[in-house]
């Protein structure tokens, strides 16, 4: 299938999404307001009687509950803002990919700006409680590097990441299905609202209530119940990229999204470390919230990419004897759409589990299973390990992360050229698109395993940095494995598959935070070679992913791999050669 041109086929692309461009309808577009797409999810309808009986006298406006009036006002505000931005909305596939990459850049940069200052604030809070000092009394950072404080910090980070991951697991798939019903854009906006609240919780508690138990910070993860959290945001980003990509350029587009994320990972730590050293940890945290409205602006500039009525097909009411005009008025409110999507999502999860009968898909889920420990090692264990064992401040470790981000960016930029060499029919490898992704993914995990092994054996910061550089060569493993597993499903099930992949990622969370915290604590207690225990563990996990990918067979178009449901059979597009005897 040839790729659509970026200049000449804008109208063709938008016509494909004609039912969904009005996910947030404008007051000036009557057709959008009555379209059967996501607009139905943003239209208020009277609540059922059992809900109206819960209203409190005096808490009504015009006969409607206050919360319904507020929700209706917010929907109208989003609709009007979306209408004002409609002339500036991107149209071509390439422009959509560029804006999605910019969105990943902004999200990653904000996360990196927040990560190290927040770790320093938590360390300082634990340190004050350890020494029994008043919160207003300053304690030098290096006095907080004692084993007791570092153990508590490691365990707090480990359990917090696990709790957040479990909450995400409970809601990732239902909200993923909801995005298939009301549209990627609406699902992404809702998820980011919950994410903002969740990430605001810890700074709020540490600033206003420093005397509270530090484990109160765990409650911030409950805000991920609103929309599904950052996992759903990233799932919708990848799903939107897949919607506007052909089979030929899907992997390249995923890599381009990763370039945006890596660029954010490059700028964020430098800015964070610079501000922390000169102004303390609170300035970069405030900067994060200053940039939050710009992230919402980027999301609103994106079009709805869900094709062919998928966003609303399951929300459409049954045929009405009063005709289509009467049927269009029987709309579902957004809150009802959320509840319906969550319930239906759990039902579809049970049906989609049958996808695991495909041996190759099951093997492709091993890398997502171990991705959480790999991320936890880089985000939490790495700065704490360097700060404790090599005497660096957390601000200084931020500067160390930036060259690593530059290495990630270089790998991702050169990857398209490497891909061209691998698929060249006249070259040495002569791989197909899937074969190319598989080869490069396996090579990436070889680098990750080797780099972690060097880090585990190092006793000097220079040798440790060599291990980090080697591990950086495997930085494209995520988008490559995601491109591999996408080959086994059809477009309409992409978001569902990504949600299932995220749930597998979450299932691996106990292998990440808690195990790494235990390994770090054991290293502090036993000293010597035991200090490298977290990196021995990371090397083992990367080797496990490499072994799983080595067993994956390339799919061939033969017939659909079916999902059983109460309404019949749903096709998943491909069956690999190894499935002949299994299905």
Protein backbone atom coordinates (compact mmCIF):
# COMPACT_ATOMS: atom_id res chain seq x y z
CA UNK A 1 0.00 0.00 0.00
CA UNK A 2 1.63 3.29 -1.05
CA UNK A 3 1.94 6.00 1.54
CA UNK A 4 -0.41 8.95 1.20
CA UNK A 5 1.33 12.14 0.17
CA UNK A 6 1.56 14.82 2.80
CA UNK A 7 0.50 17.64 0.50
CA UNK A 8 -2.02 16.29 -1.98
CA UNK A 9 -4.08 13.84 0.04
CA UNK A 10 -5.07 15.89 3.07
CA UNK A 11 -8.71 15.79 2.08
CA UNK A 12 -8.55 12.05 1.51
CA UNK A 13 -7.14 11.51 4.98
CA UNK A 14 -9.73 13.73 6.61
CA UNK A 15 -12.56 12.12 4.67
CA UNK A 16 -11.48 8.81 6.12
CA UNK A 17 -12.01 10.30 9.56
CA UNK A 18 -15.12 12.24 8.66
CA UNK A 19 -17.16 10.62 11.39
CA UNK A 20 -14.56 11.32 14.04
CA UNK A 21 -13.14 14.78 13.36
CA UNK A 22 -15.81 16.13 15.68
CA UNK A 23 -14.86 14.22 18.79
CA UNK A 24 -14.96 17.56 20.56
CA UNK A 25 -17.70 19.26 18.48
CA UNK A 26 -17.85 22.98 17.90
CA UNK A 27 -20.92 25.12 18.30
CA UNK A 28 -20.51 26.26 14.68
CA UNK A 29 -20.67 22.78 13.22
CA UNK A 30 -24.15 21.29 13.50
CA UNK A 31 -23.14 18.14 11.68
CA UNK A 32 -20.32 17.58 14.12
CA UNK A 33 -22.65 18.07 17.04
CA UNK A 34 -24.92 15.32 15.73
CA UNK A 35 -22.26 13.04 14.29
CA UNK A 36 -22.31 9.46 15.48
CA UNK A 37 -18.68 9.67 16.50
CA UNK A 38 -17.09 10.75 19.74
CA UNK A 39 -19.39 13.80 19.99
CA UNK A 40 -21.99 11.49 21.52
CA UNK A 41 -19.62 10.92 24.41
CA UNK A 42 -19.35 14.66 25.09
CA UNK A 43 -23.08 15.41 24.96
CA UNK A 44 -24.99 15.66 28.21
CA UNK A 45 -28.09 13.58 28.68
CA UNK A 46 -30.29 13.47 31.80
CA UNK A 47 -29.01 10.96 34.36
CA UNK A 48 -31.10 7.89 35.17
CA UNK A 49 -33.61 8.05 38.00
CA UNK A 50 -31.47 6.11 40.45
CA UNK A 51 -28.82 8.80 40.14
CA UNK A 52 -31.25 11.70 40.43
CA UNK A 53 -32.56 10.40 43.72
CA UNK A 54 -29.07 10.91 45.20
CA UNK A 55 -29.17 14.67 44.61
CA UNK A 56 -29.21 16.86 47.71
CA UNK A 57 -31.84 19.62 47.97
CA UNK A 58 -30.26 23.00 47.43
CA UNK A 59 -27.41 21.51 45.39
CA UNK A 60 -29.20 21.82 42.07
CA UNK A 61 -29.05 24.41 39.32
CA UNK A 62 -32.02 24.61 37.02
CA UNK A 63 -33.21 21.20 38.19
CA UNK A 64 -29.85 19.58 37.41
CA UNK A 65 -27.23 18.42 39.95
CA UNK A 66 -24.30 20.77 40.45
CA UNK A 67 -21.75 18.16 39.33
CA UNK A 68 -23.70 17.68 36.08
CA UNK A 69 -23.74 21.43 35.46
CA UNK A 70 -19.99 21.66 36.10
CA UNK A 71 -19.29 18.68 33.83
CA UNK A 72 -21.48 20.18 31.12
CA UNK A 73 -19.63 23.47 31.41
CA UNK A 74 -16.26 21.75 31.10
CA UNK A 75 -17.44 19.87 28.02
CA UNK A 76 -18.69 23.08 26.46
CA UNK A 77 -15.38 24.77 27.27
CA UNK A 78 -13.39 21.97 25.63
CA UNK A 79 -15.74 21.98 22.65
CA UNK A 80 -15.41 25.73 22.11
CA UNK A 81 -11.63 25.63 22.54
CA UNK A 82 -11.40 22.72 20.12
CA UNK A 83 -13.49 24.70 17.64
CA UNK A 84 -11.22 27.72 17.92
CA UNK A 85 -8.20 25.52 17.22
CA UNK A 86 -9.82 23.71 14.28
CA UNK A 87 -8.19 25.92 11.59
CA UNK A 88 -4.77 25.10 13.04
CA UNK A 89 -5.31 21.35 13.34
CA UNK A 90 -2.75 19.24 11.48
CA UNK A 91 -3.97 17.21 8.50
CA UNK A 92 -1.27 15.20 6.75
CA UNK A 93 0.11 11.89 8.09
CA UNK A 94 3.60 13.33 8.40
CA UNK A 95 2.35 16.36 10.32
CA UNK A 96 0.43 14.09 12.68
CA UNK A 97 3.56 12.02 13.36
CA UNK A 98 5.55 15.22 13.96
CA UNK A 99 2.98 16.52 16.43
CA UNK A 100 2.83 13.16 18.21
CA UNK A 101 6.62 13.22 18.49
CA UNK A 102 6.40 16.74 19.92
CA UNK A 103 3.82 15.49 22.41
CA UNK A 104 6.12 12.66 23.52
CA UNK A 105 8.94 15.19 23.82
CA UNK A 106 6.84 17.43 26.07
CA UNK A 107 5.61 14.57 28.25
CA UNK A 108 9.08 13.06 28.65
CA UNK A 109 10.74 16.41 29.30
CA UNK A 110 8.19 17.20 31.99
CA UNK A 111 8.68 13.79 33.57
CA UNK A 112 12.46 14.19 33.67
CA UNK A 113 12.12 17.71 35.07
CA UNK A 114 9.99 16.33 37.88
CA UNK A 115 11.82 13.05 38.61
CA UNK A 116 15.11 14.13 40.19
CA UNK A 117 13.81 17.13 42.21
CA UNK A 118 11.00 14.97 43.58
CA UNK A 119 13.47 12.23 44.55
CA UNK A 120 15.58 14.84 46.34
CA UNK A 121 12.54 16.16 48.24
CA UNK A 122 11.54 12.64 49.29
CA UNK A 123 15.11 11.86 50.35
CA UNK A 124 15.18 15.08 52.37
CA UNK A 125 11.88 14.23 54.06
CA UNK A 126 13.11 10.74 55.02
CA UNK A 127 16.38 12.27 56.19
CA UNK A 128 14.63 14.74 58.51
CA UNK A 129 12.57 11.96 60.05
CA UNK A 130 15.67 9.78 60.43
CA UNK A 131 17.57 12.47 62.35
CA UNK A 132 14.44 13.73 64.13
CA UNK A 133 14.90 17.32 63.00
CA UNK A 134 12.34 20.00 62.28
CA UNK A 135 11.28 20.27 58.60
CA UNK A 136 12.40 23.90 58.51
CA UNK A 137 15.98 22.94 59.45
CA UNK A 138 18.31 22.42 56.49
CA UNK A 139 20.30 19.17 56.23
CA UNK A 140 23.19 18.90 53.74
CA UNK A 141 22.44 16.35 51.04
CA UNK A 142 25.54 14.23 51.66
CA UNK A 143 24.41 13.63 55.26
CA UNK A 144 21.38 11.87 53.78
CA UNK A 145 23.51 9.22 52.03
CA UNK A 146 23.62 6.98 55.10
CA UNK A 147 22.50 3.40 54.53
CA UNK A 148 19.29 3.69 56.57
CA UNK A 149 17.98 6.66 54.58
CA UNK A 150 18.96 5.13 51.24
CA UNK A 151 17.25 1.82 52.07
CA UNK A 152 14.02 3.62 52.96
CA UNK A 153 14.26 5.68 49.78
CA UNK A 154 14.80 2.58 47.65
CA UNK A 155 11.90 0.67 49.19
CA UNK A 156 9.59 3.68 48.97
CA UNK A 157 10.33 4.09 45.27
CA UNK A 158 9.96 0.37 44.67
CA UNK A 159 6.58 0.02 46.33
CA UNK A 160 5.27 3.27 44.89
CA UNK A 161 6.09 2.16 41.35
CA UNK A 162 4.42 -1.19 42.03
CA UNK A 163 1.23 0.36 43.40
CA UNK A 164 1.02 2.79 40.51
CA UNK A 165 1.55 -0.04 38.06
CA UNK A 166 -1.17 -2.18 39.65
CA UNK A 167 -3.65 0.70 39.42
CA UNK A 168 -2.68 1.19 35.78
CA UNK A 169 -3.17 -2.52 35.14
CA UNK A 170 -6.72 -2.37 36.46
CA UNK A 171 -7.73 0.47 34.16
CA UNK A 172 -5.39 0.32 31.14
CA UNK A 173 -7.39 -2.20 29.13
CA UNK A 174 -10.90 -0.83 29.90
CA UNK A 175 -9.80 2.69 29.04
CA UNK A 176 -8.03 1.36 25.96
CA UNK A 177 -11.31 -0.10 24.77
CA UNK A 178 -13.03 3.16 25.67
CA UNK A 179 -10.59 4.96 23.37
CA UNK A 180 -11.65 2.60 20.59
CA UNK A 181 -15.24 3.68 21.23
CA UNK A 182 -15.10 7.44 21.84
CA UNK A 183 -11.88 8.15 19.94
CA UNK A 184 -8.16 8.27 20.63
CA UNK A 185 -8.13 12.01 21.26
CA UNK A 186 -10.89 12.04 23.87
CA UNK A 187 -9.36 9.06 25.66
CA UNK A 188 -5.95 10.71 25.69
CA UNK A 189 -7.29 13.99 27.09
CA UNK A 190 -9.15 12.20 29.88
CA UNK A 191 -6.07 10.13 30.76
CA UNK A 192 -3.84 13.18 30.94
CA UNK A 193 -6.21 14.93 33.33
CA UNK A 194 -5.80 12.05 35.78
CA UNK A 195 -2.05 12.04 35.20
CA UNK A 196 -1.74 15.71 36.11
CA UNK A 197 -3.59 15.12 39.38
CA UNK A 198 -1.47 12.05 40.19
CA UNK A 199 1.85 13.82 39.60
CA UNK A 200 0.68 16.85 41.59
CA UNK A 201 -0.05 14.82 44.72
CA UNK A 202 3.50 14.23 46.00
CA UNK A 203 4.71 17.86 45.64
CA UNK A 204 1.50 19.04 47.30
CA UNK A 205 1.90 16.74 50.32
CA UNK A 206 5.62 17.45 50.73
CA UNK A 207 5.02 21.21 50.56
CA UNK A 208 1.92 21.53 52.73
CA UNK A 209 2.08 18.55 55.11
CA UNK A 210 5.76 17.61 55.67
CA UNK A 211 4.95 16.00 59.02
CA UNK A 212 2.75 13.28 57.52
CA UNK A 213 3.95 9.73 57.08
CA UNK A 214 5.92 9.53 53.84
CA UNK A 215 3.85 6.58 52.66
CA UNK A 216 0.86 8.92 52.21
CA UNK A 217 2.43 9.62 48.83
CA UNK A 218 1.09 6.26 47.67
CA UNK A 219 -2.42 7.74 47.53
CA UNK A 220 -1.46 9.78 44.49
CA UNK A 221 -1.68 6.64 42.37
CA UNK A 222 -5.45 6.55 42.85
CA UNK A 223 -5.77 9.48 40.44
CA UNK A 224 -4.73 7.11 37.66
CA UNK A 225 -8.28 5.77 37.94
CA UNK A 226 -9.26 8.94 36.05
CA UNK A 227 -8.64 8.04 32.44
CA UNK A 228 -6.04 5.34 33.08
CA UNK A 229 -2.98 7.54 33.61
CA UNK A 230 0.13 8.06 31.54
CA UNK A 231 0.02 4.48 30.21
CA UNK A 232 -3.22 5.21 28.36
CA UNK A 233 -1.80 8.51 27.09
CA UNK A 234 1.17 6.73 25.51
CA UNK A 235 -1.03 3.89 24.23
CA UNK A 236 -3.18 6.40 22.37
CA UNK A 237 -0.10 8.14 20.98
CA UNK A 238 1.14 4.87 19.51
CA UNK A 239 -2.36 3.95 18.32
CA UNK A 240 -2.73 7.30 16.53
CA UNK A 241 0.66 6.80 14.90
CA UNK A 242 -0.38 3.32 13.76
CA UNK A 243 -3.65 4.72 12.36
CA UNK A 244 -1.83 7.03 9.95
CA UNK A 245 1.06 4.66 9.10
CA UNK A 246 1.42 2.06 6.39
CA UNK A 247 3.00 -1.32 7.03
CA UNK A 248 6.19 -0.08 5.39
CA UNK A 249 6.74 2.99 7.56
CA UNK A 250 5.12 1.89 10.83
CA UNK A 251 8.37 0.95 12.55
CA UNK A 252 10.09 4.13 11.33
CA UNK A 253 7.24 6.24 12.68
CA UNK A 254 7.44 4.48 16.04
CA UNK A 255 11.16 5.16 16.12
CA UNK A 256 10.46 8.81 15.28
CA UNK A 257 8.15 8.99 18.29
CA UNK A 258 10.96 7.59 20.38
CA UNK A 259 13.24 10.33 19.04
CA UNK A 260 10.84 12.86 20.53
CA UNK A 261 10.88 11.03 23.86
CA UNK A 262 14.67 10.75 23.88
CA UNK A 263 15.05 14.43 23.01
CA UNK A 264 12.87 15.22 26.02
CA UNK A 265 15.02 12.89 28.08
CA UNK A 266 18.04 14.87 26.92
CA UNK A 267 16.75 18.35 27.71
CA UNK A 268 14.86 17.50 30.91
CA UNK A 269 17.77 16.28 33.08
CA UNK A 270 20.07 19.15 32.02
CA UNK A 271 17.43 21.73 32.88
CA UNK A 272 16.54 19.95 36.10
CA UNK A 273 20.15 19.64 37.28
CA UNK A 274 20.96 23.25 36.38
CA UNK A 275 17.94 24.60 38.28
CA UNK A 276 18.47 22.29 41.27
CA UNK A 277 22.07 23.38 41.77
CA UNK A 278 21.22 27.08 41.62
CA UNK A 279 17.69 27.38 42.97
CA UNK A 280 16.86 24.12 44.74
CA UNK A 281 14.36 21.39 43.82
CA UNK A 282 11.17 23.46 43.88
CA UNK A 283 11.88 25.65 40.83
CA UNK A 284 11.93 22.79 38.26
CA UNK A 285 8.80 21.34 39.87
CA UNK A 286 6.96 24.65 39.43
CA UNK A 287 8.20 24.81 35.85
CA UNK A 288 6.53 21.46 35.16
CA UNK A 289 3.13 22.84 36.05
CA UNK A 290 3.71 26.01 34.03
CA UNK A 291 4.15 23.86 30.91
CA UNK A 292 1.08 21.67 31.54
CA UNK A 293 -1.37 23.86 29.51
CA UNK A 294 0.92 23.60 26.49
CA UNK A 295 0.60 19.80 26.57
CA UNK A 296 -3.18 20.12 26.45
CA UNK A 297 -2.79 22.52 23.52
CA UNK A 298 -0.74 19.98 21.56
CA UNK A 299 -3.39 17.32 22.18
CA UNK A 300 -6.17 19.61 20.97
CA UNK A 301 -4.27 20.32 17.74
CA UNK A 302 -4.35 16.62 16.84
CA UNK A 303 -7.20 15.25 14.70
CA UNK A 304 -9.15 12.16 15.61
CA UNK A 305 -7.45 9.33 13.72
CA UNK A 306 -9.75 6.41 14.47
CA UNK A 307 -11.02 5.17 11.12
CA UNK A 308 -14.34 4.16 9.71
CA UNK A 309 -16.76 4.60 12.59
CA UNK A 310 -14.94 2.45 15.11
CA UNK A 311 -15.11 5.09 17.79
CA UNK A 312 -18.83 5.09 17.89
CA UNK A 313 -20.00 1.80 16.52
CA UNK A 314 -20.41 0.26 19.92
CA UNK A 315 -21.96 3.40 21.36
CA UNK A 316 -24.59 3.64 18.66
CA UNK A 317 -28.12 2.97 19.94
CA UNK A 318 -30.26 0.28 18.35
CA UNK A 319 -32.40 1.23 15.36
CA UNK A 320 -35.28 3.43 16.36
CA UNK A 321 -38.76 3.15 14.85
CA UNK A 322 -38.97 6.94 14.97
CA UNK A 323 -36.25 7.27 12.31
CA UNK A 324 -32.66 8.41 12.27
CA UNK A 325 -33.42 11.91 13.51
CA UNK A 326 -34.99 10.55 16.67
CA UNK A 327 -32.16 8.05 17.01
CA UNK A 328 -29.50 10.79 16.94
CA UNK A 329 -31.11 12.46 19.93
CA UNK A 330 -30.75 9.32 22.03
CA UNK A 331 -27.19 10.18 22.91
CA UNK A 332 -25.01 8.84 25.69
CA UNK A 333 -23.39 11.18 28.18
CA UNK A 334 -19.65 11.13 28.62
CA UNK A 335 -19.85 9.72 32.17
CA UNK A 336 -22.17 6.95 30.95
CA UNK A 337 -19.77 6.26 28.07
CA UNK A 338 -16.92 5.89 30.56
CA UNK A 339 -18.86 3.43 32.73
CA UNK A 340 -20.08 1.51 29.70
CA UNK A 341 -16.58 1.42 28.24
CA UNK A 342 -15.08 0.13 31.49
CA UNK A 343 -17.66 -2.63 31.82
CA UNK A 344 -17.43 -3.61 28.17
CA UNK A 345 -13.64 -3.45 28.34
CA UNK A 346 -13.49 -6.05 31.09
CA UNK A 347 -15.72 -8.29 29.00
CA UNK A 348 -13.55 -7.85 25.92
CA UNK A 349 -10.45 -8.54 28.00
CA UNK A 350 -11.73 -12.03 28.73
CA UNK A 351 -12.36 -12.55 25.02
CA UNK A 352 -9.00 -11.10 23.97
CA UNK A 353 -7.04 -13.42 26.23
CA UNK A 354 -7.49 -16.02 23.48
CA UNK A 355 -4.93 -14.02 21.48
CA UNK A 356 -2.31 -15.68 23.68
CA UNK A 357 -2.98 -18.95 21.87
CA UNK A 358 -0.75 -17.53 19.16
CA UNK A 359 2.68 -18.70 20.26
CA UNK A 360 4.51 -15.83 18.54
CA UNK A 361 2.40 -13.13 20.18
CA UNK A 362 2.98 -14.80 23.55
CA UNK A 363 6.74 -14.71 22.97
CA UNK A 364 6.58 -11.08 21.80
CA UNK A 365 5.02 -10.19 25.15
CA UNK A 366 8.16 -11.21 27.06
CA UNK A 367 9.99 -7.91 26.31
CA UNK A 368 7.04 -5.85 27.64
CA UNK A 369 7.02 -8.12 30.70
CA UNK A 370 10.58 -7.13 31.59
CA UNK A 371 10.36 -3.52 30.39
CA UNK A 372 9.14 -2.25 33.76
CA UNK A 373 12.26 -3.49 35.61
CA UNK A 374 14.48 -1.99 32.91
CA UNK A 375 12.76 1.39 33.19
CA UNK A 376 12.81 1.27 37.00
CA UNK A 377 16.53 0.51 36.93
CA UNK A 378 17.22 3.57 34.75
CA UNK A 379 14.81 5.97 36.42
CA UNK A 380 15.19 5.09 40.11
CA UNK A 381 18.06 2.69 40.81
CA UNK A 382 20.63 4.36 38.53
CA UNK A 383 20.67 7.88 40.09
CA UNK A 384 20.45 6.51 43.62
CA UNK A 385 23.19 3.94 42.93
CA UNK A 386 25.59 6.55 41.51
CA UNK A 387 24.79 9.05 44.25
CA UNK A 388 25.38 6.51 47.02
CA UNK A 389 28.36 4.55 45.68
CA UNK A 390 30.28 7.27 43.84
CA UNK A 391 29.50 10.28 46.07
CA UNK A 392 27.54 12.33 43.52
CA UNK A 393 24.64 14.63 44.36
CA UNK A 394 21.31 13.93 42.68
CA UNK A 395 21.67 17.16 40.69
CA UNK A 396 25.00 15.90 39.33
CA UNK A 397 23.44 12.61 38.29
CA UNK A 398 20.95 14.64 36.26
CA UNK A 399 23.83 15.95 34.17
CA UNK A 400 25.01 12.37 33.66
CA UNK A 401 21.63 11.33 32.27
CA UNK A 402 21.77 13.96 29.52
CA UNK A 403 24.72 12.48 27.57
CA UNK A 404 22.93 9.16 27.79
CA UNK A 405 19.91 10.84 26.25
CA UNK A 406 22.12 12.15 23.47
CA UNK A 407 23.34 8.59 22.86
CA UNK A 408 19.73 7.36 22.72
CA UNK A 409 18.91 10.09 20.22
CA UNK A 410 21.89 9.18 18.04
CA UNK A 411 20.90 5.51 17.96
CA UNK A 412 17.32 6.32 17.01
CA UNK A 413 18.39 8.74 14.29
CA UNK A 414 20.76 6.25 12.68
CA UNK A 415 18.31 3.36 12.98
CA UNK A 416 16.37 4.20 9.76
CA UNK A 417 19.64 4.02 7.81
CA UNK A 418 20.48 0.68 9.43
CA UNK A 419 16.98 -0.53 8.57
CA UNK A 420 17.52 0.40 4.92
CA UNK A 421 20.73 -1.61 4.83
CA UNK A 422 19.09 -4.64 6.46
CA UNK A 423 16.13 -4.76 4.04
CA UNK A 424 18.17 -3.98 0.92
CA UNK A 425 17.49 -6.86 -1.55
CA UNK A 426 21.01 -6.53 -2.92
CA UNK A 427 22.65 -6.40 0.51
CA UNK A 428 23.93 -9.05 2.86
CA UNK A 429 20.89 -9.41 5.13
CA UNK A 430 17.94 -9.08 2.68
CA UNK A 431 15.37 -9.13 5.50
CA UNK A 432 11.66 -8.38 5.27
CA UNK A 433 10.17 -5.57 7.32
CA UNK A 434 9.33 -7.95 10.16
CA UNK A 435 12.68 -9.73 9.89
CA UNK A 436 14.48 -6.41 10.09
CA UNK A 437 12.61 -5.43 13.26
CA UNK A 438 13.31 -8.83 14.82
CA UNK A 439 17.03 -8.72 14.03
CA UNK A 440 17.50 -5.21 15.39
CA UNK A 441 15.41 -5.94 18.50
CA UNK A 442 17.55 -8.97 19.35
CA UNK A 443 20.73 -6.96 18.81
CA UNK A 444 19.35 -4.28 21.15
CA UNK A 445 18.83 -6.74 23.98
CA UNK A 446 22.36 -8.09 23.50
CA UNK A 447 23.63 -4.56 24.11
CA UNK A 448 21.40 -4.06 27.16
CA UNK A 449 22.52 -7.34 28.73
CA UNK A 450 26.20 -6.64 28.05
CA UNK A 451 26.04 -3.08 29.34
CA UNK A 452 24.32 -4.13 32.58
CA UNK A 453 26.96 -6.82 33.14
CA UNK A 454 29.75 -4.23 32.82
CA UNK A 455 27.93 -1.97 35.30
CA UNK A 456 27.57 -4.83 37.77
CA UNK A 457 31.30 -5.62 37.68
CA UNK A 458 32.51 -2.00 37.79
CA UNK A 459 34.13 -0.48 40.88
CA UNK A 460 35.04 2.79 39.22
CA UNK A 461 32.79 5.46 37.75
CA UNK A 462 34.64 5.39 34.41
CA UNK A 463 34.03 1.65 33.93
CA UNK A 464 30.43 2.14 35.03
CA UNK A 465 29.98 4.83 32.37
CA UNK A 466 31.34 2.43 29.74
CA UNK A 467 28.57 0.02 30.69
CA UNK A 468 26.00 2.79 30.36
CA UNK A 469 27.27 3.62 26.87
CA UNK A 470 27.04 -0.03 25.79
CA UNK A 471 23.52 -0.29 27.18
CA UNK A 472 22.57 2.87 25.28
CA UNK A 473 23.13 0.98 22.02
CA UNK A 474 20.00 -1.03 22.86
CA UNK A 475 17.79 2.02 23.32
CA UNK A 476 15.56 1.19 20.32
CA UNK A 477 14.34 -2.11 21.79
CA UNK A 478 10.96 -0.67 22.80
CA UNK A 479 9.70 0.63 19.43
CA UNK A 480 11.20 -2.36 17.60
CA UNK A 481 9.40 -4.95 19.71
CA UNK A 482 6.19 -2.91 19.51
CA UNK A 483 6.47 -2.90 15.72
CA UNK A 484 6.99 -6.68 15.76
CA UNK A 485 3.86 -7.47 17.73
CA UNK A 486 1.78 -5.04 15.65
CA UNK A 487 2.37 -7.28 12.62
CA UNK A 488 0.11 -9.95 14.15
CA UNK A 489 -3.09 -7.87 14.46
CA UNK A 490 -5.41 -5.88 12.23
CA UNK A 491 -5.83 -2.12 12.55
CA UNK A 492 -9.12 -2.16 14.43
CA UNK A 493 -7.54 -4.17 17.25
CA UNK A 494 -4.36 -2.09 17.55
CA UNK A 495 -5.45 -0.09 20.58
CA UNK A 496 -6.74 -3.24 22.26
CA UNK A 497 -3.43 -5.01 21.67
CA UNK A 498 -1.45 -2.06 23.02
CA UNK A 499 -3.65 -2.01 26.11
CA UNK A 500 -3.07 -5.74 26.58
CA UNK A 501 0.66 -5.15 26.11
CA UNK A 502 0.56 -2.44 28.77
CA UNK A 503 -1.17 -4.83 31.14
CA UNK A 504 1.61 -7.36 30.57
CA UNK A 505 4.07 -4.55 31.23
CA UNK A 506 2.28 -3.91 34.51
CA UNK A 507 2.30 -7.59 35.40
CA UNK A 508 6.08 -7.31 35.30
CA UNK A 509 6.08 -4.46 37.83
CA UNK A 510 6.72 -6.78 40.81
CA UNK A 511 9.86 -7.81 38.93
CA UNK A 512 10.94 -4.17 38.90
CA UNK A 513 10.62 -1.77 41.83
CA UNK A 514 10.44 -4.21 44.78
CA UNK A 515 13.09 -6.62 43.44
CA UNK A 516 15.47 -3.80 42.54
CA UNK A 517 14.93 -2.22 45.97
CA UNK A 518 15.72 -5.57 47.60
CA UNK A 519 18.83 -6.01 45.43
CA UNK A 520 20.00 -2.48 46.25
CA UNK A 521 19.46 -3.06 49.98
CA UNK A 522 21.35 -6.37 49.88
CA UNK A 523 24.24 -4.59 48.18
CA UNK A 524 24.31 -1.96 50.93
CA UNK A 525 24.37 -4.63 53.63
CA UNK A 526 26.91 -7.08 52.18
CA UNK A 527 29.15 -4.59 50.34
CA UNK A 528 31.82 -5.80 47.92
CA UNK A 529 30.65 -7.54 44.77
CA UNK A 530 27.08 -7.59 46.06
CA UNK A 531 26.79 -3.87 45.25
CA UNK A 532 26.33 -4.77 41.59
CA UNK A 533 23.40 -7.11 42.29
CA UNK A 534 20.77 -4.79 40.68
CA UNK A 535 22.72 -4.79 37.40
CA UNK A 536 23.29 -8.55 37.41
CA UNK A 537 19.52 -8.82 37.66
CA UNK A 538 18.97 -6.40 34.76
CA UNK A 539 21.42 -8.37 32.61
CA UNK A 540 19.53 -11.59 33.35
CA UNK A 541 16.18 -10.04 32.34
CA UNK A 542 17.58 -8.70 29.05
CA UNK A 543 18.97 -12.16 28.27
CA UNK A 544 15.53 -13.64 28.93
CA UNK A 545 13.92 -11.23 26.44
CA UNK A 546 16.59 -12.07 23.87
CA UNK A 547 15.87 -15.79 24.21
CA UNK A 548 12.12 -15.20 23.72
CA UNK A 549 12.60 -13.10 20.58
CA UNK A 550 14.93 -15.73 19.15
CA UNK A 551 11.98 -18.16 19.14
CA UNK A 552 9.55 -15.82 17.31
CA UNK A 553 8.70 -16.85 13.74
CA UNK A 554 7.83 -14.39 11.00
CA UNK A 555 4.08 -14.16 10.27
CA UNK A 556 2.71 -15.06 6.88
CA UNK A 557 -0.69 -14.08 5.56
CA UNK A 558 -2.75 -17.20 5.66
CA UNK A 559 -5.96 -16.52 7.49
CA UNK A 560 -7.16 -14.74 10.56
CA UNK A 561 -6.25 -15.73 14.08
CA UNK A 562 -9.67 -15.64 15.68
CA UNK A 563 -10.97 -14.29 18.93
CA UNK A 564 -14.06 -16.01 20.18
CA UNK A 565 -16.89 -13.83 21.36
CA UNK A 566 -20.55 -14.12 21.99
CA UNK A 567 -21.33 -12.42 18.69
CA UNK A 568 -19.16 -14.60 16.50
CA UNK A 569 -15.54 -14.55 15.55
CA UNK A 570 -13.20 -11.58 15.35
CA UNK A 571 -10.18 -11.81 13.03
CA UNK A 572 -6.71 -10.75 14.08
CA UNK A 573 -5.21 -10.61 10.58
CA UNK A 574 -2.25 -13.02 10.58
CA UNK A 575 -1.24 -16.52 11.38
CA UNK A 576 2.39 -17.54 11.53
CA UNK A 577 3.84 -20.61 9.99
CA UNK A 578 4.24 -22.24 13.38
CA UNK A 579 0.54 -21.98 14.12
CA UNK A 580 -0.46 -24.68 11.68
CA UNK A 581 -0.51 -27.37 14.27
CA UNK A 582 -1.56 -25.21 17.17
CA UNK A 583 -4.80 -23.75 15.84
